[in-house]
Amino acid sequence: TSDETANYVDSVKGRFTISRDNYRNRVYL
């Protein structure tokens, strides 16, 4: 979300991380 609350499907929890960089208009996985 815009306030950086993250959610994941159960199969990837603990393995994947989503993050965002608002200065570069970018999202990572």
Full PDB file with SEQRES, HELIX, SHEET, SSBOND, CRYST1, ORIGX, SCALE, CONECT and MASTER records, all heavy atoms in Angstrom:
SEQRES   1 A   29  THR SER ASP GLU THR ALA ASN TYR VAL ASP SER VAL LYS          
SEQRES   2 A   29  GLY ARG PHE THR ILE SER ARG ASP ASN TYR ARG ASN ARG          
SEQRES   3 A   29  VAL TYR LEU                                                  
HELIX    1 AA1 ASP A   10  VAL A   12  5                                   3    
SHEET    1 AA1 2 SER A  19  ASP A  21  0                                        
SHEET    2 AA1 2 ARG A  26  TYR A  28 -1                                        
CRYST1    1.000    1.000    1.000  90.00  90.00  90.00 P 1           1          
ORIGX1      1.000000  0.000000  0.000000        0.00000                         
ORIGX2      0.000000  1.000000  0.000000        0.00000                         
ORIGX3      0.000000  0.000000  1.000000        0.00000                         
SCALE1      1.000000  0.000000  0.000000        0.00000                         
SCALE2      0.000000  1.000000  0.000000        0.00000                         
SCALE3      0.000000  0.000000  1.000000        0.00000                         
ATOM      1  N   THR A   1       0.825  -1.195   0.000  1.00  0.00           N  
ATOM      2  CA  THR A   1       0.000   0.000   0.000  1.00  0.00           C  
ATOM      3  C   THR A   1       0.863   1.251   0.000  1.00  0.00           C  
ATOM      4  O   THR A   1       2.092   1.192   0.083  1.00  0.00           O  
ATOM      5  CB  THR A   1      -0.925   0.025   1.224  1.00  0.00           C  
ATOM      6  OG1 THR A   1      -0.130   0.146   2.413  1.00  0.00           O  
ATOM      7  CG2 THR A   1      -1.766  -1.240   1.301  1.00  0.00           C  
ATOM      8  N   SER A   2       0.196   2.419  -0.065  1.00  0.00           N  
ATOM      9  CA  SER A   2       0.910   3.689  -0.055  1.00  0.00           C  
ATOM     10  C   SER A   2       1.652   3.924   1.258  1.00  0.00           C  
ATOM     11  O   SER A   2       2.654   4.646   1.268  1.00  0.00           O  
ATOM     12  CB  SER A   2      -0.047   4.847  -0.329  1.00  0.00           C  
ATOM     13  OG  SER A   2      -1.071   4.912   0.648  1.00  0.00           O  
ATOM     14  N   ASP A   3       1.172   3.340   2.365  1.00  0.00           N  
ATOM     15  CA  ASP A   3       1.879   3.461   3.642  1.00  0.00           C  
ATOM     16  C   ASP A   3       2.784   2.257   3.906  1.00  0.00           C  
ATOM     17  O   ASP A   3       3.205   2.024   5.040  1.00  0.00           O  
ATOM     18  CB  ASP A   3       0.909   3.682   4.800  1.00  0.00           C  
ATOM     19  CG  ASP A   3      -0.022   2.507   5.048  1.00  0.00           C  
ATOM     20  OD1 ASP A   3      -0.038   1.567   4.233  1.00  0.00           O  
ATOM     21  OD2 ASP A   3      -0.740   2.534   6.062  1.00  0.00           O  
ATOM     22  N   GLU A   4       3.056   1.458   2.868  1.00  0.00           N  
ATOM     23  CA  GLU A   4       4.040   0.370   2.872  1.00  0.00           C  
ATOM     24  C   GLU A   4       3.621  -0.835   3.711  1.00  0.00           C  
ATOM     25  O   GLU A   4       4.475  -1.562   4.233  1.00  0.00           O  
ATOM     26  CB  GLU A   4       5.413   0.892   3.293  1.00  0.00           C  
ATOM     27  CG  GLU A   4       5.924   1.991   2.380  1.00  0.00           C  
ATOM     28  CD  GLU A   4       7.378   2.324   2.584  1.00  0.00           C  
ATOM     29  OE1 GLU A   4       8.081   1.591   3.303  1.00  0.00           O  
ATOM     30  OE2 GLU A   4       7.827   3.334   2.010  1.00  0.00           O  
ATOM     31  N   THR A   5       2.309  -1.065   3.828  1.00  0.00           N  
ATOM     32  CA  THR A   5       1.817  -2.311   4.398  1.00  0.00           C  
ATOM     33  C   THR A   5       1.856  -3.392   3.318  1.00  0.00           C  
ATOM     34  O   THR A   5       1.259  -3.230   2.256  1.00  0.00           O  
ATOM     35  CB  THR A   5       0.390  -2.154   4.920  1.00  0.00           C  
ATOM     36  OG1 THR A   5       0.367  -1.168   5.958  1.00  0.00           O  
ATOM     37  CG2 THR A   5      -0.128  -3.473   5.483  1.00  0.00           C  
ATOM     38  N   ALA A   6       2.540  -4.503   3.585  1.00  0.00           N  
ATOM     39  CA  ALA A   6       2.743  -5.554   2.594  1.00  0.00           C  
ATOM     40  C   ALA A   6       1.958  -6.814   2.934  1.00  0.00           C  
ATOM     41  O   ALA A   6       1.814  -7.169   4.110  1.00  0.00           O  
ATOM     42  CB  ALA A   6       4.224  -5.897   2.485  1.00  0.00           C  
ATOM     43  N   ASN A   7       1.450  -7.495   1.912  1.00  0.00           N  
ATOM     44  CA  ASN A   7       0.766  -8.777   2.049  1.00  0.00           C  
ATOM     45  C   ASN A   7       1.265  -9.728   0.976  1.00  0.00           C  
ATOM     46  O   ASN A   7       1.634  -9.302  -0.120  1.00  0.00           O  
ATOM     47  CB  ASN A   7      -0.749  -8.615   1.932  1.00  0.00           C  
ATOM     48  CG  ASN A   7      -1.351  -7.830   3.077  1.00  0.00           C  
ATOM     49  OD1 ASN A   7      -1.634  -6.643   2.944  1.00  0.00           O  
ATOM     50  ND2 ASN A   7      -1.531  -8.506   4.211  1.00  0.00           N  
ATOM     51  N   TYR A   8       1.235 -11.043   1.287  1.00  0.00           N  
ATOM     52  CA  TYR A   8       1.762 -12.061   0.392  1.00  0.00           C  
ATOM     53  C   TYR A   8       0.839 -13.270   0.341  1.00  0.00           C  
ATOM     54  O   TYR A   8       0.168 -13.601   1.327  1.00  0.00           O  
ATOM     55  CB  TYR A   8       3.140 -12.543   0.858  1.00  0.00           C  
ATOM     56  CG  TYR A   8       4.156 -11.445   1.024  1.00  0.00           C  
ATOM     57  CD1 TYR A   8       4.301 -10.784   2.236  1.00  0.00           C  
ATOM     58  CD2 TYR A   8       4.970 -11.069  -0.035  1.00  0.00           C  
ATOM     59  CE1 TYR A   8       5.229  -9.772   2.392  1.00  0.00           C  
ATOM     60  CE2 TYR A   8       5.906 -10.060   0.110  1.00  0.00           C  
ATOM     61  CZ  TYR A   8       6.030  -9.415   1.324  1.00  0.00           C  
ATOM     62  OH  TYR A   8       6.961  -8.416   1.472  1.00  0.00           O  
ATOM     63  N   VAL A   9       0.843 -13.947  -0.794  1.00  0.00           N  
ATOM     64  CA  VAL A   9       0.177 -15.229  -0.873  1.00  0.00           C  
ATOM     65  C   VAL A   9       0.951 -16.221   0.008  1.00  0.00           C  
ATOM     66  O   VAL A   9       2.177 -16.109   0.156  1.00  0.00           O  
ATOM     67  CB  VAL A   9       0.091 -15.712  -2.337  1.00  0.00           C  
ATOM     68  CG1 VAL A   9       1.469 -16.040  -2.892  1.00  0.00           C  
ATOM     69  CG2 VAL A   9      -0.857 -16.884  -2.479  1.00  0.00           C  
ATOM     70  N   ASP A  10       0.230 -17.169   0.627  1.00  0.00           N  
ATOM     71  CA  ASP A  10       0.851 -18.056   1.609  1.00  0.00           C  
ATOM     72  C   ASP A  10       2.069 -18.802   1.062  1.00  0.00           C  
ATOM     73  O   ASP A  10       3.040 -19.032   1.793  1.00  0.00           O  
ATOM     74  CB  ASP A  10      -0.165 -19.070   2.131  1.00  0.00           C  
ATOM     75  CG  ASP A  10      -1.168 -18.468   3.090  1.00  0.00           C  
ATOM     76  OD1 ASP A  10      -0.938 -17.351   3.583  1.00  0.00           O  
ATOM     77  OD2 ASP A  10      -2.196 -19.126   3.352  1.00  0.00           O  
ATOM     78  N   SER A  11       2.048 -19.177  -0.202  1.00  0.00           N  
ATOM     79  CA  SER A  11       3.107 -19.998  -0.767  1.00  0.00           C  
ATOM     80  C   SER A  11       4.458 -19.291  -0.854  1.00  0.00           C  
ATOM     81  O   SER A  11       5.483 -19.953  -1.025  1.00  0.00           O  
ATOM     82  CB  SER A  11       2.707 -20.500  -2.156  1.00  0.00           C  
ATOM     83  OG  SER A  11       2.480 -19.424  -3.038  1.00  0.00           O  
ATOM     84  N   VAL A  12       4.492 -17.952  -0.738  1.00  0.00           N  
ATOM     85  CA  VAL A  12       5.757 -17.226  -0.841  1.00  0.00           C  
ATOM     86  C   VAL A  12       6.153 -16.531   0.448  1.00  0.00           C  
ATOM     87  O   VAL A  12       7.234 -15.925   0.507  1.00  0.00           O  
ATOM     88  CB  VAL A  12       5.736 -16.195  -1.993  1.00  0.00           C  
ATOM     89  CG1 VAL A  12       5.281 -16.844  -3.286  1.00  0.00           C  
ATOM     90  CG2 VAL A  12       4.859 -14.990  -1.646  1.00  0.00           C  
ATOM     91  N   LYS A  13       5.336 -16.607   1.492  1.00  0.00           N  
ATOM     92  CA  LYS A  13       5.656 -15.953   2.756  1.00  0.00           C  
ATOM     93  C   LYS A  13       6.969 -16.475   3.320  1.00  0.00           C  
ATOM     94  O   LYS A  13       7.204 -17.676   3.358  1.00  0.00           O  
ATOM     95  CB  LYS A  13       4.525 -16.156   3.771  1.00  0.00           C  
ATOM     96  CG  LYS A  13       3.283 -15.345   3.478  1.00  0.00           C  
ATOM     97  CD  LYS A  13       2.196 -15.578   4.522  1.00  0.00           C  
ATOM     98  CE  LYS A  13       0.971 -14.738   4.233  1.00  0.00           C  
ATOM     99  NZ  LYS A  13      -0.133 -15.005   5.195  1.00  0.00           N  
ATOM    100  N   GLY A  14       7.818 -15.554   3.753  1.00  0.00           N  
ATOM    101  CA  GLY A  14       9.122 -15.917   4.273  1.00  0.00           C  
ATOM    102  C   GLY A  14      10.191 -16.040   3.216  1.00  0.00           C  
ATOM    103  O   GLY A  14      11.377 -16.145   3.555  1.00  0.00           O  
ATOM    104  N   ARG A  15       9.812 -16.038   1.931  1.00  0.00           N  
ATOM    105  CA  ARG A  15      10.778 -16.164   0.838  1.00  0.00           C  
ATOM    106  C   ARG A  15      10.841 -14.913  -0.040  1.00  0.00           C  
ATOM    107  O   ARG A  15      11.909 -14.562  -0.531  1.00  0.00           O  
ATOM    108  CB  ARG A  15      10.440 -17.366  -0.039  1.00  0.00           C  
ATOM    109  CG  ARG A  15      10.444 -18.697   0.704  1.00  0.00           C  
ATOM    110  CD  ARG A  15      10.304 -19.878  -0.255  1.00  0.00           C  
ATOM    111  NE  ARG A  15       9.019 -19.858  -0.957  1.00  0.00           N  
ATOM    112  CZ  ARG A  15       8.891 -19.796  -2.286  1.00  0.00           C  
ATOM    113  NH1 ARG A  15       9.971 -19.750  -3.061  1.00  0.00           N  
ATOM    114  NH2 ARG A  15       7.686 -19.795  -2.849  1.00  0.00           N  
ATOM    115  N   PHE A  16       9.696 -14.250  -0.254  1.00  0.00           N  
ATOM    116  CA  PHE A  16       9.618 -13.081  -1.135  1.00  0.00           C  
ATOM    117  C   PHE A  16       9.412 -11.819  -0.300  1.00  0.00           C  
ATOM    118  O   PHE A  16       8.740 -11.853   0.743  1.00  0.00           O  
ATOM    119  CB  PHE A  16       8.452 -13.198  -2.112  1.00  0.00           C  
ATOM    120  CG  PHE A  16       8.599 -14.250  -3.183  1.00  0.00           C  
ATOM    121  CD1 PHE A  16       9.609 -15.194  -3.146  1.00  0.00           C  
ATOM    122  CD2 PHE A  16       7.702 -14.280  -4.241  1.00  0.00           C  
ATOM    123  CE1 PHE A  16       9.735 -16.160  -4.126  1.00  0.00           C  
ATOM    124  CE2 PHE A  16       7.809 -15.235  -5.234  1.00  0.00           C  
ATOM    125  CZ  PHE A  16       8.831 -16.180  -5.177  1.00  0.00           C  
ATOM    126  N   THR A  17       9.943 -10.687  -0.787  1.00  0.00           N  
ATOM    127  CA  THR A  17       9.756  -9.395  -0.150  1.00  0.00           C  
ATOM    128  C   THR A  17       9.450  -8.343  -1.210  1.00  0.00           C  
ATOM    129  O   THR A  17      10.212  -8.194  -2.170  1.00  0.00           O  
ATOM    130  CB  THR A  17      10.998  -8.961   0.642  1.00  0.00           C  
ATOM    131  OG1 THR A  17      11.317  -9.947   1.627  1.00  0.00           O  
ATOM    132  CG2 THR A  17      10.740  -7.630   1.342  1.00  0.00           C  
ATOM    133  N   ILE A  18       8.340  -7.618  -1.039  1.00  0.00           N  
ATOM    134  CA  ILE A  18       7.994  -6.521  -1.926  1.00  0.00           C  
ATOM    135  C   ILE A  18       8.405  -5.208  -1.265  1.00  0.00           C  
ATOM    136  O   ILE A  18       8.270  -5.047  -0.052  1.00  0.00           O  
ATOM    137  CB  ILE A  18       6.484  -6.520  -2.275  1.00  0.00           C  
ATOM    138  CG1 ILE A  18       6.160  -5.463  -3.340  1.00  0.00           C  
ATOM    139  CG2 ILE A  18       5.625  -6.329  -1.030  1.00  0.00           C  
ATOM    140  CD1 ILE A  18       4.731  -5.557  -3.878  1.00  0.00           C  
ATOM    141  N   SER A  19       8.917  -4.263  -2.054  1.00  0.00           N  
ATOM    142  CA  SER A  19       9.305  -2.953  -1.545  1.00  0.00           C  
ATOM    143  C   SER A  19       9.087  -1.912  -2.630  1.00  0.00           C  
ATOM    144  O   SER A  19       8.943  -2.247  -3.803  1.00  0.00           O  
ATOM    145  CB  SER A  19      10.762  -2.950  -1.071  1.00  0.00           C  
ATOM    146  OG  SER A  19      11.646  -3.260  -2.129  1.00  0.00           O  
ATOM    147  N   ARG A  20       9.061  -0.635  -2.234  1.00  0.00           N  
ATOM    148  CA  ARG A  20       8.825   0.435  -3.198  1.00  0.00           C  
ATOM    149  C   ARG A  20       9.776   1.589  -2.970  1.00  0.00           C  
ATOM    150  O   ARG A  20      10.240   1.830  -1.844  1.00  0.00           O  
ATOM    151  CB  ARG A  20       7.365   0.925  -3.120  1.00  0.00           C  
ATOM    152  CG  ARG A  20       6.979   1.561  -1.791  1.00  0.00           C  
ATOM    153  CD  ARG A  20       5.467   1.799  -1.714  1.00  0.00           C  
ATOM    154  NE  ARG A  20       5.020   2.757  -2.712  1.00  0.00           N  
ATOM    155  CZ  ARG A  20       3.758   2.867  -3.143  1.00  0.00           C  
ATOM    156  NH1 ARG A  20       2.823   2.050  -2.671  1.00  0.00           N  
ATOM    157  NH2 ARG A  20       3.446   3.782  -4.055  1.00  0.00           N  
ATOM    158  N   ASP A  21      10.073   2.321  -4.046  1.00  0.00           N  
ATOM    159  CA  ASP A  21      10.909   3.510  -4.007  1.00  0.00           C  
ATOM    160  C   ASP A  21      10.128   4.616  -4.703  1.00  0.00           C  
ATOM    161  O   ASP A  21      10.091   4.690  -5.930  1.00  0.00           O  
ATOM    162  CB  ASP A  21      12.246   3.255  -4.704  1.00  0.00           C  
ATOM    163  CG  ASP A  21      13.191   4.439  -4.617  1.00  0.00           C  
ATOM    164  OD1 ASP A  21      12.754   5.556  -4.302  1.00  0.00           O  
ATOM    165  OD2 ASP A  21      14.397   4.238  -4.867  1.00  0.00           O  
ATOM    166  N   ASN A  22       9.491   5.491  -3.910  1.00  0.00           N  
ATOM    167  CA  ASN A  22       8.628   6.520  -4.471  1.00  0.00           C  
ATOM    168  C   ASN A  22       9.406   7.619  -5.193  1.00  0.00           C  
ATOM    169  O   ASN A  22       8.836   8.316  -6.034  1.00  0.00           O  
ATOM    170  CB  ASN A  22       7.766   7.139  -3.370  1.00  0.00           C  
ATOM    171  CG  ASN A  22       6.751   6.170  -2.804  1.00  0.00           C  
ATOM    172  OD1 ASN A  22       6.314   5.245  -3.480  1.00  0.00           O  
ATOM    173  ND2 ASN A  22       6.371   6.387  -1.547  1.00  0.00           N  
ATOM    174  N   TYR A  23      10.690   7.772  -4.881  1.00  0.00           N  
ATOM    175  CA  TYR A  23      11.502   8.783  -5.550  1.00  0.00           C  
ATOM    176  C   TYR A  23      11.837   8.383  -6.977  1.00  0.00           C  
ATOM    177  O   TYR A  23      12.105   9.246  -7.810  1.00  0.00           O  
ATOM    178  CB  TYR A  23      12.790   9.042  -4.774  1.00  0.00           C  
ATOM    179  CG  TYR A  23      12.566   9.652  -3.416  1.00  0.00           C  
ATOM    180  CD1 TYR A  23      12.548   8.864  -2.270  1.00  0.00           C  
ATOM    181  CD2 TYR A  23      12.359  11.016  -3.276  1.00  0.00           C  
ATOM    182  CE1 TYR A  23      12.330   9.422  -1.025  1.00  0.00           C  
ATOM    183  CE2 TYR A  23      12.143  11.579  -2.031  1.00  0.00           C  
ATOM    184  CZ  TYR A  23      12.128  10.779  -0.914  1.00  0.00           C  
ATOM    185  OH  TYR A  23      11.912  11.341   0.331  1.00  0.00           O  
ATOM    186  N   ARG A  24      11.823   7.079  -7.253  1.00  0.00           N  
ATOM    187  CA  ARG A  24      12.164   6.569  -8.582  1.00  0.00           C  
ATOM    188  C   ARG A  24      10.977   5.929  -9.293  1.00  0.00           C  
ATOM    189  O   ARG A  24      11.152   5.341 -10.361  1.00  0.00           O  
ATOM    190  CB  ARG A  24      13.315   5.575  -8.477  1.00  0.00           C  
ATOM    191  CG  ARG A  24      14.610   6.199  -7.988  1.00  0.00           C  
ATOM    192  CD  ARG A  24      15.708   5.161  -7.787  1.00  0.00           C  
ATOM    193  NE  ARG A  24      16.982   5.794  -7.483  1.00  0.00           N  
ATOM    194  CZ  ARG A  24      17.345   6.211  -6.275  1.00  0.00           C  
ATOM    195  NH1 ARG A  24      16.543   6.047  -5.240  1.00  0.00           N  
ATOM    196  NH2 ARG A  24      18.528   6.784  -6.096  1.00  0.00           N  
ATOM    197  N   ASN A  25       9.761   6.033  -8.721  1.00  0.00           N  
ATOM    198  CA  ASN A  25       8.560   5.413  -9.289  1.00  0.00           C  
ATOM    199  C   ASN A  25       8.807   3.930  -9.576  1.00  0.00           C  
ATOM    200  O   ASN A  25       8.547   3.435 -10.677  1.00  0.00           O  
ATOM    201  CB  ASN A  25       8.126   6.137 -10.570  1.00  0.00           C  
ATOM    202  CG  ASN A  25       7.408   7.439 -10.300  1.00  0.00           C  
ATOM    203  OD1 ASN A  25       7.253   7.870  -9.161  1.00  0.00           O  
ATOM    204  ND2 ASN A  25       6.954   8.083 -11.373  1.00  0.00           N  
ATOM    205  N   ARG A  26       9.277   3.205  -8.559  1.00  0.00           N  
ATOM    206  CA  ARG A  26       9.727   1.834  -8.771  1.00  0.00           C  
ATOM    207  C   ARG A  26       9.233   0.903  -7.664  1.00  0.00           C  
ATOM    208  O   ARG A  26       9.129   1.305  -6.497  1.00  0.00           O  
ATOM    209  CB  ARG A  26      11.251   1.815  -8.838  1.00  0.00           C  
ATOM    210  CG  ARG A  26      11.871   0.557  -9.379  1.00  0.00           C  
ATOM    211  CD  ARG A  26      13.351   0.798  -9.650  1.00  0.00           C  
ATOM    212  NE  ARG A  26      13.555   1.757 -10.729  1.00  0.00           N  
ATOM    213  CZ  ARG A  26      14.703   2.368 -10.978  1.00  0.00           C  
ATOM    214  NH1 ARG A  26      15.758   2.142 -10.206  1.00  0.00           N  
ATOM    215  NH2 ARG A  26      14.803   3.211 -11.990  1.00  0.00           N  
ATOM    216  N   VAL A  27       8.925  -0.347  -8.035  1.00  0.00           N  
ATOM    217  CA  VAL A  27       8.567  -1.382  -7.083  1.00  0.00           C  
ATOM    218  C   VAL A  27       9.439  -2.601  -7.365  1.00  0.00           C  
ATOM    219  O   VAL A  27       9.743  -2.898  -8.528  1.00  0.00           O  
ATOM    220  CB  VAL A  27       7.060  -1.733  -7.138  1.00  0.00           C  
ATOM    221  CG1 VAL A  27       6.659  -2.237  -8.523  1.00  0.00           C  
ATOM    222  CG2 VAL A  27       6.696  -2.742  -6.060  1.00  0.00           C  
ATOM    223  N   TYR A  28       9.847  -3.314  -6.297  1.00  0.00           N  
ATOM    224  CA  TYR A  28      10.738  -4.453  -6.404  1.00  0.00           C  
ATOM    225  C   TYR A  28      10.081  -5.701  -5.827  1.00  0.00           C  
ATOM    226  O   TYR A  28       9.208  -5.629  -4.965  1.00  0.00           O  
ATOM    227  CB  TYR A  28      12.036  -4.210  -5.631  1.00  0.00           C  
ATOM    228  CG  TYR A  28      12.805  -2.988  -6.048  1.00  0.00           C  
ATOM    229  CD1 TYR A  28      12.612  -1.774  -5.404  1.00  0.00           C  
ATOM    230  CD2 TYR A  28      13.735  -3.047  -7.080  1.00  0.00           C  
ATOM    231  CE1 TYR A  28      13.323  -0.652  -5.774  1.00  0.00           C  
ATOM    232  CE2 TYR A  28      14.445  -1.924  -7.453  1.00  0.00           C  
ATOM    233  CZ  TYR A  28      14.244  -0.731  -6.799  1.00  0.00           C  
ATOM    234  OH  TYR A  28      14.961   0.379  -7.177  1.00  0.00           O  
ATOM    235  N   LEU A  29      10.537  -6.860  -6.286  1.00  0.00           N  
ATOM    236  CA  LEU A  29      10.180  -8.135  -5.670  1.00  0.00           C  
ATOM    237  C   LEU A  29      11.458  -8.948  -5.512  1.00  0.00           C  
ATOM    238  O   LEU A  29      12.015  -9.428  -6.504  1.00  0.00           O  
ATOM    239  CB  LEU A  29       9.157  -8.900  -6.513  1.00  0.00           C  
ATOM    240  CG  LEU A  29       8.632 -10.184  -5.864  1.00  0.00           C  
ATOM    241  CD1 LEU A  29       7.785  -9.851  -4.633  1.00  0.00           C  
ATOM    242  CD2 LEU A  29       7.807 -11.001  -6.856  1.00  0.00           C  
TER     243      LEU A  29                                                      
MASTER        0    0    0    1    2    0    0    6  242    1    0    3          
END                                                                             
